[in-house]
Amino acid sequence: GKITPIRFRFRDRDGELITVTIEK
């Protein structure tokens, strides 16, 4: 049941979709 986040995305103020790969 241990959760590990890997990658996420969100919309910035301009509406652009930003994808972030978690490095650490």
mmCIF file of all heavy atoms, coordinates in Angstrom:
data_MODEL
# 
_entry.id   MODEL 
# 
loop_
_atom_site.group_PDB 
_atom_site.id 
_atom_site.type_symbol 
_atom_site.label_atom_id 
_atom_site.label_alt_id 
_atom_site.label_comp_id 
_atom_site.label_asym_id 
_atom_site.label_entity_id 
_atom_site.label_seq_id 
_atom_site.pdbx_PDB_ins_code 
_atom_site.Cartn_x 
_atom_site.Cartn_y 
_atom_site.Cartn_z 
_atom_site.occupancy 
_atom_site.B_iso_or_equiv 
_atom_site.pdbx_formal_charge 
_atom_site.auth_seq_id 
_atom_site.auth_comp_id 
_atom_site.auth_asym_id 
_atom_site.auth_atom_id 
_atom_site.pdbx_PDB_model_num 
ATOM 1   N N   . GLY A 1 1  ? 0.784  -1.227 0.000   1.00 0.00 ? 1  GLY A N   1 
ATOM 2   C CA  . GLY A 1 1  ? 0.000  0.000  0.000   1.00 0.00 ? 1  GLY A CA  1 
ATOM 3   C C   . GLY A 1 1  ? 0.817  1.278  0.000   1.00 0.00 ? 1  GLY A C   1 
ATOM 4   O O   . GLY A 1 1  ? 0.265  2.371  0.056   1.00 0.00 ? 1  GLY A O   1 
ATOM 5   N N   . LYS A 1 2  ? 2.137  1.182  -0.071  1.00 0.00 ? 2  LYS A N   1 
ATOM 6   C CA  . LYS A 1 2  ? 2.992  2.369  -0.094  1.00 0.00 ? 2  LYS A CA  1 
ATOM 7   C C   . LYS A 1 2  ? 2.877  3.044  -1.452  1.00 0.00 ? 2  LYS A C   1 
ATOM 8   O O   . LYS A 1 2  ? 3.080  2.426  -2.487  1.00 0.00 ? 2  LYS A O   1 
ATOM 9   C CB  . LYS A 1 2  ? 4.439  1.995  0.185   1.00 0.00 ? 2  LYS A CB  1 
ATOM 10  C CG  . LYS A 1 2  ? 5.394  3.181  0.169   1.00 0.00 ? 2  LYS A CG  1 
ATOM 11  C CD  . LYS A 1 2  ? 6.786  2.750  0.541   1.00 0.00 ? 2  LYS A CD  1 
ATOM 12  C CE  . LYS A 1 2  ? 7.857  3.791  0.425   1.00 0.00 ? 2  LYS A CE  1 
ATOM 13  N NZ  . LYS A 1 2  ? 7.525  5.135  0.293   1.00 0.00 ? 2  LYS A NZ  1 
ATOM 14  N N   . ILE A 1 3  ? 2.569  4.340  -1.443  1.00 0.00 ? 3  ILE A N   1 
ATOM 15  C CA  . ILE A 1 3  ? 2.385  5.126  -2.658  1.00 0.00 ? 3  ILE A CA  1 
ATOM 16  C C   . ILE A 1 3  ? 3.680  5.867  -2.981  1.00 0.00 ? 3  ILE A C   1 
ATOM 17  O O   . ILE A 1 3  ? 4.290  6.478  -2.106  1.00 0.00 ? 3  ILE A O   1 
ATOM 18  C CB  . ILE A 1 3  ? 1.243  6.143  -2.479  1.00 0.00 ? 3  ILE A CB  1 
ATOM 19  C CG1 . ILE A 1 3  ? -0.059 5.420  -2.156  1.00 0.00 ? 3  ILE A CG1 1 
ATOM 20  C CG2 . ILE A 1 3  ? 1.095  7.020  -3.713  1.00 0.00 ? 3  ILE A CG2 1 
ATOM 21  C CD1 . ILE A 1 3  ? -1.159 6.343  -1.700  1.00 0.00 ? 3  ILE A CD1 1 
ATOM 22  N N   . THR A 1 4  ? 4.077  5.836  -4.252  1.00 0.00 ? 4  THR A N   1 
ATOM 23  C CA  . THR A 1 4  ? 5.237  6.578  -4.727  1.00 0.00 ? 4  THR A CA  1 
ATOM 24  C C   . THR A 1 4  ? 4.824  7.418  -5.929  1.00 0.00 ? 4  THR A C   1 
ATOM 25  O O   . THR A 1 4  ? 4.475  6.863  -6.976  1.00 0.00 ? 4  THR A O   1 
ATOM 26  C CB  . THR A 1 4  ? 6.385  5.628  -5.135  1.00 0.00 ? 4  THR A CB  1 
ATOM 27  O OG1 . THR A 1 4  ? 6.712  4.793  -4.022  1.00 0.00 ? 4  THR A OG1 1 
ATOM 28  C CG2 . THR A 1 4  ? 7.608  6.395  -5.580  1.00 0.00 ? 4  THR A CG2 1 
ATOM 29  N N   . PRO A 1 5  ? 4.814  8.762  -5.788  1.00 0.00 ? 5  PRO A N   1 
ATOM 30  C CA  . PRO A 1 5  ? 4.493  9.605  -6.934  1.00 0.00 ? 5  PRO A CA  1 
ATOM 31  C C   . PRO A 1 5  ? 5.624  9.566  -7.963  1.00 0.00 ? 5  PRO A C   1 
ATOM 32  O O   . PRO A 1 5  ? 6.803  9.541  -7.590  1.00 0.00 ? 5  PRO A O   1 
ATOM 33  C CB  . PRO A 1 5  ? 4.332  11.000 -6.326  1.00 0.00 ? 5  PRO A CB  1 
ATOM 34  C CG  . PRO A 1 5  ? 5.128  10.968 -5.073  1.00 0.00 ? 5  PRO A CG  1 
ATOM 35  C CD  . PRO A 1 5  ? 5.102  9.546  -4.588  1.00 0.00 ? 5  PRO A CD  1 
ATOM 36  N N   . ILE A 1 6  ? 5.275  9.553  -9.249  1.00 0.00 ? 6  ILE A N   1 
ATOM 37  C CA  . ILE A 1 6  ? 6.274  9.440  -10.311 1.00 0.00 ? 6  ILE A CA  1 
ATOM 38  C C   . ILE A 1 6  ? 6.263  10.669 -11.222 1.00 0.00 ? 6  ILE A C   1 
ATOM 39  O O   . ILE A 1 6  ? 7.293  11.282 -11.456 1.00 0.00 ? 6  ILE A O   1 
ATOM 40  C CB  . ILE A 1 6  ? 6.040  8.165  -11.141 1.00 0.00 ? 6  ILE A CB  1 
ATOM 41  C CG1 . ILE A 1 6  ? 6.197  6.937  -10.243 1.00 0.00 ? 6  ILE A CG1 1 
ATOM 42  C CG2 . ILE A 1 6  ? 6.971  8.109  -12.344 1.00 0.00 ? 6  ILE A CG2 1 
ATOM 43  C CD1 . ILE A 1 6  ? 5.773  5.648  -10.883 1.00 0.00 ? 6  ILE A CD1 1 
ATOM 44  N N   . ARG A 1 7  ? 5.084  11.026 -11.722 1.00 0.00 ? 7  ARG A N   1 
ATOM 45  C CA  . ARG A 1 7  ? 4.970  12.134 -12.664 1.00 0.00 ? 7  ARG A CA  1 
ATOM 46  C C   . ARG A 1 7  ? 3.591  12.747 -12.527 1.00 0.00 ? 7  ARG A C   1 
ATOM 47  O O   . ARG A 1 7  ? 2.614  12.044 -12.264 1.00 0.00 ? 7  ARG A O   1 
ATOM 48  C CB  . ARG A 1 7  ? 5.197  11.622 -14.079 1.00 0.00 ? 7  ARG A CB  1 
ATOM 49  C CG  . ARG A 1 7  ? 5.191  12.683 -15.139 1.00 0.00 ? 7  ARG A CG  1 
ATOM 50  C CD  . ARG A 1 7  ? 5.589  12.165 -16.507 1.00 0.00 ? 7  ARG A CD  1 
ATOM 51  N NE  . ARG A 1 7  ? 4.704  11.097 -16.951 1.00 0.00 ? 7  ARG A NE  1 
ATOM 52  C CZ  . ARG A 1 7  ? 5.117  9.942  -17.464 1.00 0.00 ? 7  ARG A CZ  1 
ATOM 53  N NH1 . ARG A 1 7  ? 6.397  9.693  -17.594 1.00 0.00 ? 7  ARG A NH1 1 
ATOM 54  N NH2 . ARG A 1 7  ? 4.260  9.037  -17.849 1.00 0.00 ? 7  ARG A NH2 1 
ATOM 55  N N   . PHE A 1 8  ? 3.514  14.082 -12.702 1.00 0.00 ? 8  PHE A N   1 
ATOM 56  C CA  . PHE A 1 8  ? 2.212  14.738 -12.640 1.00 0.00 ? 8  PHE A CA  1 
ATOM 57  C C   . PHE A 1 8  ? 2.144  15.870 -13.654 1.00 0.00 ? 8  PHE A C   1 
ATOM 58  O O   . PHE A 1 8  ? 3.156  16.282 -14.210 1.00 0.00 ? 8  PHE A O   1 
ATOM 59  C CB  . PHE A 1 8  ? 1.906  15.251 -11.229 1.00 0.00 ? 8  PHE A CB  1 
ATOM 60  C CG  . PHE A 1 8  ? 2.797  16.372 -10.756 1.00 0.00 ? 8  PHE A CG  1 
ATOM 61  C CD1 . PHE A 1 8  ? 2.407  17.692 -10.892 1.00 0.00 ? 8  PHE A CD1 1 
ATOM 62  C CD2 . PHE A 1 8  ? 4.012  16.097 -10.146 1.00 0.00 ? 8  PHE A CD2 1 
ATOM 63  C CE1 . PHE A 1 8  ? 3.210  18.725 -10.439 1.00 0.00 ? 8  PHE A CE1 1 
ATOM 64  C CE2 . PHE A 1 8  ? 4.820  17.123 -9.686  1.00 0.00 ? 8  PHE A CE2 1 
ATOM 65  C CZ  . PHE A 1 8  ? 4.419  18.443 -9.832  1.00 0.00 ? 8  PHE A CZ  1 
ATOM 66  N N   . ARG A 1 9  ? 0.928  16.330 -13.893 1.00 0.00 ? 9  ARG A N   1 
ATOM 67  C CA  . ARG A 1 9  ? 0.757  17.486 -14.761 1.00 0.00 ? 9  ARG A CA  1 
ATOM 68  C C   . ARG A 1 9  ? -0.347 18.377 -14.233 1.00 0.00 ? 9  ARG A C   1 
ATOM 69  O O   . ARG A 1 9  ? -1.246 17.925 -13.517 1.00 0.00 ? 9  ARG A O   1 
ATOM 70  C CB  . ARG A 1 9  ? 0.523  17.078 -16.208 1.00 0.00 ? 9  ARG A CB  1 
ATOM 71  C CG  . ARG A 1 9  ? -0.745 16.329 -16.474 1.00 0.00 ? 9  ARG A CG  1 
ATOM 72  C CD  . ARG A 1 9  ? -0.792 15.906 -17.917 1.00 0.00 ? 9  ARG A CD  1 
ATOM 73  N NE  . ARG A 1 9  ? -2.072 15.287 -18.203 1.00 0.00 ? 9  ARG A NE  1 
ATOM 74  C CZ  . ARG A 1 9  ? -2.434 14.848 -19.382 1.00 0.00 ? 9  ARG A CZ  1 
ATOM 75  N NH1 . ARG A 1 9  ? -1.599 14.949 -20.399 1.00 0.00 ? 9  ARG A NH1 1 
ATOM 76  N NH2 . ARG A 1 9  ? -3.605 14.308 -19.565 1.00 0.00 ? 9  ARG A NH2 1 
ATOM 77  N N   . PHE A 1 10 ? -0.233 19.660 -14.601 1.00 0.00 ? 10 PHE A N   1 
ATOM 78  C CA  . PHE A 1 10 ? -1.197 20.655 -14.165 1.00 0.00 ? 10 PHE A CA  1 
ATOM 79  C C   . PHE A 1 10 ? -1.237 21.780 -15.184 1.00 0.00 ? 10 PHE A C   1 
ATOM 80  O O   . PHE A 1 10 ? -0.362 21.884 -16.040 1.00 0.00 ? 10 PHE A O   1 
ATOM 81  C CB  . PHE A 1 10 ? -0.841 21.200 -12.775 1.00 0.00 ? 10 PHE A CB  1 
ATOM 82  C CG  . PHE A 1 10 ? 0.463  21.955 -12.740 1.00 0.00 ? 10 PHE A CG  1 
ATOM 83  C CD1 . PHE A 1 10 ? 0.491  23.336 -12.856 1.00 0.00 ? 10 PHE A CD1 1 
ATOM 84  C CD2 . PHE A 1 10 ? 1.668  21.276 -12.587 1.00 0.00 ? 10 PHE A CD2 1 
ATOM 85  C CE1 . PHE A 1 10 ? 1.693  24.028 -12.826 1.00 0.00 ? 10 PHE A CE1 1 
ATOM 86  C CE2 . PHE A 1 10 ? 2.873  21.967 -12.555 1.00 0.00 ? 10 PHE A CE2 1 
ATOM 87  C CZ  . PHE A 1 10 ? 2.880  23.344 -12.679 1.00 0.00 ? 10 PHE A CZ  1 
ATOM 88  N N   . ARG A 1 11 ? -2.237 22.620 -15.085 1.00 0.00 ? 11 ARG A N   1 
ATOM 89  C CA  . ARG A 1 11 ? -2.343 23.779 -15.965 1.00 0.00 ? 11 ARG A CA  1 
ATOM 90  C C   . ARG A 1 11 ? -1.803 25.002 -15.235 1.00 0.00 ? 11 ARG A C   1 
ATOM 91  O O   . ARG A 1 11 ? -2.180 25.263 -14.099 1.00 0.00 ? 11 ARG A O   1 
ATOM 92  C CB  . ARG A 1 11 ? -3.783 24.023 -16.385 1.00 0.00 ? 11 ARG A CB  1 
ATOM 93  C CG  . ARG A 1 11 ? -4.306 22.916 -17.265 1.00 0.00 ? 11 ARG A CG  1 
ATOM 94  C CD  . ARG A 1 11 ? -5.346 23.416 -18.238 1.00 0.00 ? 11 ARG A CD  1 
ATOM 95  N NE  . ARG A 1 11 ? -5.813 22.317 -19.059 1.00 0.00 ? 11 ARG A NE  1 
ATOM 96  C CZ  . ARG A 1 11 ? -5.302 22.000 -20.250 1.00 0.00 ? 11 ARG A CZ  1 
ATOM 97  N NH1 . ARG A 1 11 ? -4.318 22.716 -20.742 1.00 0.00 ? 11 ARG A NH1 1 
ATOM 98  N NH2 . ARG A 1 11 ? -5.767 20.989 -20.936 1.00 0.00 ? 11 ARG A NH2 1 
ATOM 99  N N   . ASP A 1 12 ? -0.908 25.746 -15.913 1.00 0.00 ? 12 ASP A N   1 
ATOM 100 C CA  . ASP A 1 12 ? -0.370 26.960 -15.310 1.00 0.00 ? 12 ASP A CA  1 
ATOM 101 C C   . ASP A 1 12 ? -1.351 28.114 -15.507 1.00 0.00 ? 12 ASP A C   1 
ATOM 102 O O   . ASP A 1 12 ? -2.450 27.930 -16.032 1.00 0.00 ? 12 ASP A O   1 
ATOM 103 C CB  . ASP A 1 12 ? 1.028  27.287 -15.838 1.00 0.00 ? 12 ASP A CB  1 
ATOM 104 C CG  . ASP A 1 12 ? 1.048  27.672 -17.309 1.00 0.00 ? 12 ASP A CG  1 
ATOM 105 O OD1 . ASP A 1 12 ? -0.024 27.797 -17.930 1.00 0.00 ? 12 ASP A OD1 1 
ATOM 106 O OD2 . ASP A 1 12 ? 2.159  27.850 -17.842 1.00 0.00 ? 12 ASP A OD2 1 
ATOM 107 N N   . ARG A 1 13 ? -0.956 29.312 -15.096 1.00 0.00 ? 13 ARG A N   1 
ATOM 108 C CA  . ARG A 1 13 ? -1.855 30.475 -15.176 1.00 0.00 ? 13 ARG A CA  1 
ATOM 109 C C   . ARG A 1 13 ? -2.270 30.818 -16.594 1.00 0.00 ? 13 ARG A C   1 
ATOM 110 O O   . ARG A 1 13 ? -3.315 31.394 -16.820 1.00 0.00 ? 13 ARG A O   1 
ATOM 111 C CB  . ARG A 1 13 ? -1.186 31.682 -14.532 1.00 0.00 ? 13 ARG A CB  1 
ATOM 112 C CG  . ARG A 1 13 ? -1.052 31.555 -13.057 1.00 0.00 ? 13 ARG A CG  1 
ATOM 113 C CD  . ARG A 1 13 ? -0.435 32.765 -12.461 1.00 0.00 ? 13 ARG A CD  1 
ATOM 114 N NE  . ARG A 1 13 ? -0.324 32.591 -11.023 1.00 0.00 ? 13 ARG A NE  1 
ATOM 115 C CZ  . ARG A 1 13 ? 0.317  33.397 -10.234 1.00 0.00 ? 13 ARG A CZ  1 
ATOM 116 N NH1 . ARG A 1 13 ? 0.933  34.454 -10.736 1.00 0.00 ? 13 ARG A NH1 1 
ATOM 117 N NH2 . ARG A 1 13 ? 0.371  33.165 -8.946  1.00 0.00 ? 13 ARG A NH2 1 
ATOM 118 N N   . ASP A 1 14 ? -1.421 30.462 -17.563 1.00 0.00 ? 14 ASP A N   1 
ATOM 119 C CA  . ASP A 1 14 ? -1.735 30.733 -18.969 1.00 0.00 ? 14 ASP A CA  1 
ATOM 120 C C   . ASP A 1 14 ? -2.554 29.615 -19.605 1.00 0.00 ? 14 ASP A C   1 
ATOM 121 O O   . ASP A 1 14 ? -2.871 29.678 -20.788 1.00 0.00 ? 14 ASP A O   1 
ATOM 122 C CB  . ASP A 1 14 ? -0.445 30.927 -19.764 1.00 0.00 ? 14 ASP A CB  1 
ATOM 123 C CG  . ASP A 1 14 ? 0.376  32.099 -19.256 1.00 0.00 ? 14 ASP A CG  1 
ATOM 124 O OD1 . ASP A 1 14 ? -0.238 33.099 -18.810 1.00 0.00 ? 14 ASP A OD1 1 
ATOM 125 O OD2 . ASP A 1 14 ? 1.614  32.019 -19.291 1.00 0.00 ? 14 ASP A OD2 1 
ATOM 126 N N   . GLY A 1 15 ? -2.865 28.586 -18.844 1.00 0.00 ? 15 GLY A N   1 
ATOM 127 C CA  . GLY A 1 15 ? -3.632 27.461 -19.355 1.00 0.00 ? 15 GLY A CA  1 
ATOM 128 C C   . GLY A 1 15 ? -2.789 26.390 -20.024 1.00 0.00 ? 15 GLY A C   1 
ATOM 129 O O   . GLY A 1 15 ? -3.318 25.412 -20.537 1.00 0.00 ? 15 GLY A O   1 
ATOM 130 N N   . GLU A 1 16 ? -1.459 26.576 -20.005 1.00 0.00 ? 16 GLU A N   1 
ATOM 131 C CA  . GLU A 1 16 ? -0.567 25.589 -20.613 1.00 0.00 ? 16 GLU A CA  1 
ATOM 132 C C   . GLU A 1 16 ? -0.459 24.368 -19.709 1.00 0.00 ? 16 GLU A C   1 
ATOM 133 O O   . GLU A 1 16 ? -0.354 24.491 -18.493 1.00 0.00 ? 16 GLU A O   1 
ATOM 134 C CB  . GLU A 1 16 ? 0.814  26.200 -20.821 1.00 0.00 ? 16 GLU A CB  1 
ATOM 135 C CG  . GLU A 1 16 ? 1.798  25.270 -21.489 1.00 0.00 ? 16 GLU A CG  1 
ATOM 136 C CD  . GLU A 1 16 ? 3.171  25.896 -21.666 1.00 0.00 ? 16 GLU A CD  1 
ATOM 137 O OE1 . GLU A 1 16 ? 3.322  27.110 -21.456 1.00 0.00 ? 16 GLU A OE1 1 
ATOM 138 O OE2 . GLU A 1 16 ? 4.091  25.142 -22.008 1.00 0.00 ? 16 GLU A OE2 1 
ATOM 139 N N   . LEU A 1 17 ? -0.484 23.182 -20.320 1.00 0.00 ? 17 LEU A N   1 
ATOM 140 C CA  . LEU A 1 17 ? -0.362 21.939 -19.572 1.00 0.00 ? 17 LEU A CA  1 
ATOM 141 C C   . LEU A 1 17 ? 1.116  21.667 -19.312 1.00 0.00 ? 17 LEU A C   1 
ATOM 142 O O   . LEU A 1 17 ? 1.908  21.536 -20.236 1.00 0.00 ? 17 LEU A O   1 
ATOM 143 C CB  . LEU A 1 17 ? -0.984 20.787 -20.358 1.00 0.00 ? 17 LEU A CB  1 
ATOM 144 C CG  . LEU A 1 17 ? -1.229 19.497 -19.620 1.00 0.00 ? 17 LEU A CG  1 
ATOM 145 C CD1 . LEU A 1 17 ? -2.141 19.703 -18.416 1.00 0.00 ? 17 LEU A CD1 1 
ATOM 146 C CD2 . LEU A 1 17 ? -1.833 18.468 -20.547 1.00 0.00 ? 17 LEU A CD2 1 
ATOM 147 N N   . ILE A 1 18 ? 1.503  21.625 -18.053 1.00 0.00 ? 18 ILE A N   1 
ATOM 148 C CA  . ILE A 1 18 ? 2.886  21.418 -17.624 1.00 0.00 ? 18 ILE A CA  1 
ATOM 149 C C   . ILE A 1 18 ? 3.018  20.003 -17.075 1.00 0.00 ? 18 ILE A C   1 
ATOM 150 O O   . ILE A 1 18 ? 2.271  19.615 -16.179 1.00 0.00 ? 18 ILE A O   1 
ATOM 151 C CB  . ILE A 1 18 ? 3.288  22.437 -16.526 1.00 0.00 ? 18 ILE A CB  1 
ATOM 152 C CG1 . ILE A 1 18 ? 3.013  23.867 -16.964 1.00 0.00 ? 18 ILE A CG1 1 
ATOM 153 C CG2 . ILE A 1 18 ? 4.732  22.225 -16.102 1.00 0.00 ? 18 ILE A CG2 1 
ATOM 154 C CD1 . ILE A 1 18 ? 3.799  24.321 -18.155 1.00 0.00 ? 18 ILE A CD1 1 
ATOM 155 N N   . THR A 1 19 ? 3.978  19.246 -17.607 1.00 0.00 ? 19 THR A N   1 
ATOM 156 C CA  . THR A 1 19 ? 4.250  17.895 -17.115 1.00 0.00 ? 19 THR A CA  1 
ATOM 157 C C   . THR A 1 19 ? 5.558  17.910 -16.332 1.00 0.00 ? 19 THR A C   1 
ATOM 158 O O   . THR A 1 19 ? 6.553  18.454 -16.799 1.00 0.00 ? 19 THR A O   1 
ATOM 159 C CB  . THR A 1 19 ? 4.354  16.891 -18.279 1.00 0.00 ? 19 THR A CB  1 
ATOM 160 O OG1 . THR A 1 19 ? 3.114  16.896 -18.998 1.00 0.00 ? 19 THR A OG1 1 
ATOM 161 C CG2 . THR A 1 19 ? 4.630  15.487 -17.770 1.00 0.00 ? 19 THR A CG2 1 
ATOM 162 N N   . VAL A 1 20 ? 5.527  17.321 -15.142 1.00 0.00 ? 20 VAL A N   1 
ATOM 163 C CA  . VAL A 1 20 ? 6.687  17.316 -14.249 1.00 0.00 ? 20 VAL A CA  1 
ATOM 164 C C   . VAL A 1 20 ? 7.014  15.871 -13.881 1.00 0.00 ? 20 VAL A C   1 
ATOM 165 O O   . VAL A 1 20 ? 6.159  15.149 -13.366 1.00 0.00 ? 20 VAL A O   1 
ATOM 166 C CB  . VAL A 1 20 ? 6.405  18.120 -12.961 1.00 0.00 ? 20 VAL A CB  1 
ATOM 167 C CG1 . VAL A 1 20 ? 7.587  18.068 -12.020 1.00 0.00 ? 20 VAL A CG1 1 
ATOM 168 C CG2 . VAL A 1 20 ? 6.015  19.548 -13.290 1.00 0.00 ? 20 VAL A CG2 1 
ATOM 169 N N   . THR A 1 21 ? 8.254  15.474 -14.151 1.00 0.00 ? 21 THR A N   1 
ATOM 170 C CA  . THR A 1 21 ? 8.736  14.159 -13.722 1.00 0.00 ? 21 THR A CA  1 
ATOM 171 C C   . THR A 1 21 ? 9.487  14.355 -12.412 1.00 0.00 ? 21 THR A C   1 
ATOM 172 O O   . THR A 1 21 ? 10.446 15.123 -12.348 1.00 0.00 ? 21 THR A O   1 
ATOM 173 C CB  . THR A 1 21 ? 9.668  13.535 -14.776 1.00 0.00 ? 21 THR A CB  1 
ATOM 174 O OG1 . THR A 1 21 ? 8.931  13.375 -15.992 1.00 0.00 ? 21 THR A OG1 1 
ATOM 175 C CG2 . THR A 1 21 ? 10.182 12.181 -14.317 1.00 0.00 ? 21 THR A CG2 1 
ATOM 176 N N   . ILE A 1 22 ? 9.040  13.677 -11.372 1.00 0.00 ? 22 ILE A N   1 
ATOM 177 C CA  . ILE A 1 22 ? 9.642  13.808 -10.047 1.00 0.00 ? 22 ILE A CA  1 
ATOM 178 C C   . ILE A 1 22 ? 11.006 13.129 -10.059 1.00 0.00 ? 22 ILE A C   1 
ATOM 179 O O   . ILE A 1 22 ? 11.119 11.954 -10.384 1.00 0.00 ? 22 ILE A O   1 
ATOM 180 C CB  . ILE A 1 22 ? 8.725  13.201 -8.964  1.00 0.00 ? 22 ILE A CB  1 
ATOM 181 C CG1 . ILE A 1 22 ? 7.406  13.968 -8.949  1.00 0.00 ? 22 ILE A CG1 1 
ATOM 182 C CG2 . ILE A 1 22 ? 9.403  13.204 -7.602  1.00 0.00 ? 22 ILE A CG2 1 
ATOM 183 C CD1 . ILE A 1 22 ? 6.310  13.308 -8.169  1.00 0.00 ? 22 ILE A CD1 1 
ATOM 184 N N   . GLU A 1 23 ? 12.037 13.899 -9.731  1.00 0.00 ? 23 GLU A N   1 
ATOM 185 C CA  . GLU A 1 23 ? 13.390 13.357 -9.736  1.00 0.00 ? 23 GLU A CA  1 
ATOM 186 C C   . GLU A 1 23 ? 13.772 12.759 -8.386  1.00 0.00 ? 23 GLU A C   1 
ATOM 187 O O   . GLU A 1 23 ? 14.504 11.787 -8.325  1.00 0.00 ? 23 GLU A O   1 
ATOM 188 C CB  . GLU A 1 23 ? 14.378 14.446 -10.128 1.00 0.00 ? 23 GLU A CB  1 
ATOM 189 C CG  . GLU A 1 23 ? 14.183 14.886 -11.566 1.00 0.00 ? 23 GLU A CG  1 
ATOM 190 C CD  . GLU A 1 23 ? 15.154 15.954 -11.999 1.00 0.00 ? 23 GLU A CD  1 
ATOM 191 O OE1 . GLU A 1 23 ? 15.939 16.446 -11.166 1.00 0.00 ? 23 GLU A OE1 1 
ATOM 192 O OE2 . GLU A 1 23 ? 15.118 16.297 -13.183 1.00 0.00 ? 23 GLU A OE2 1 
ATOM 193 N N   . LYS A 1 24 ? 13.269 13.353 -7.307  1.00 0.00 ? 24 LYS A N   1 
ATOM 194 C CA  . LYS A 1 24 ? 13.641 12.855 -5.981  1.00 0.00 ? 24 LYS A CA  1 
ATOM 195 C C   . LYS A 1 24 ? 12.526 13.140 -4.987  1.00 0.00 ? 24 LYS A C   1 
ATOM 196 O O   . LYS A 1 24 ? 11.974 14.242 -4.954  1.00 0.00 ? 24 LYS A O   1 
ATOM 197 C CB  . LYS A 1 24 ? 14.929 13.521 -5.515  1.00 0.00 ? 24 LYS A CB  1 
ATOM 198 C CG  . LYS A 1 24 ? 15.478 12.960 -4.240  1.00 0.00 ? 24 LYS A CG  1 
ATOM 199 C CD  . LYS A 1 24 ? 16.844 13.517 -3.940  1.00 0.00 ? 24 LYS A CD  1 
ATOM 200 C CE  . LYS A 1 24 ? 17.430 12.838 -2.725  1.00 0.00 ? 24 LYS A CE  1 
ATOM 201 N NZ  . LYS A 1 24 ? 18.741 13.346 -2.390  1.00 0.00 ? 24 LYS A NZ  1 
# 
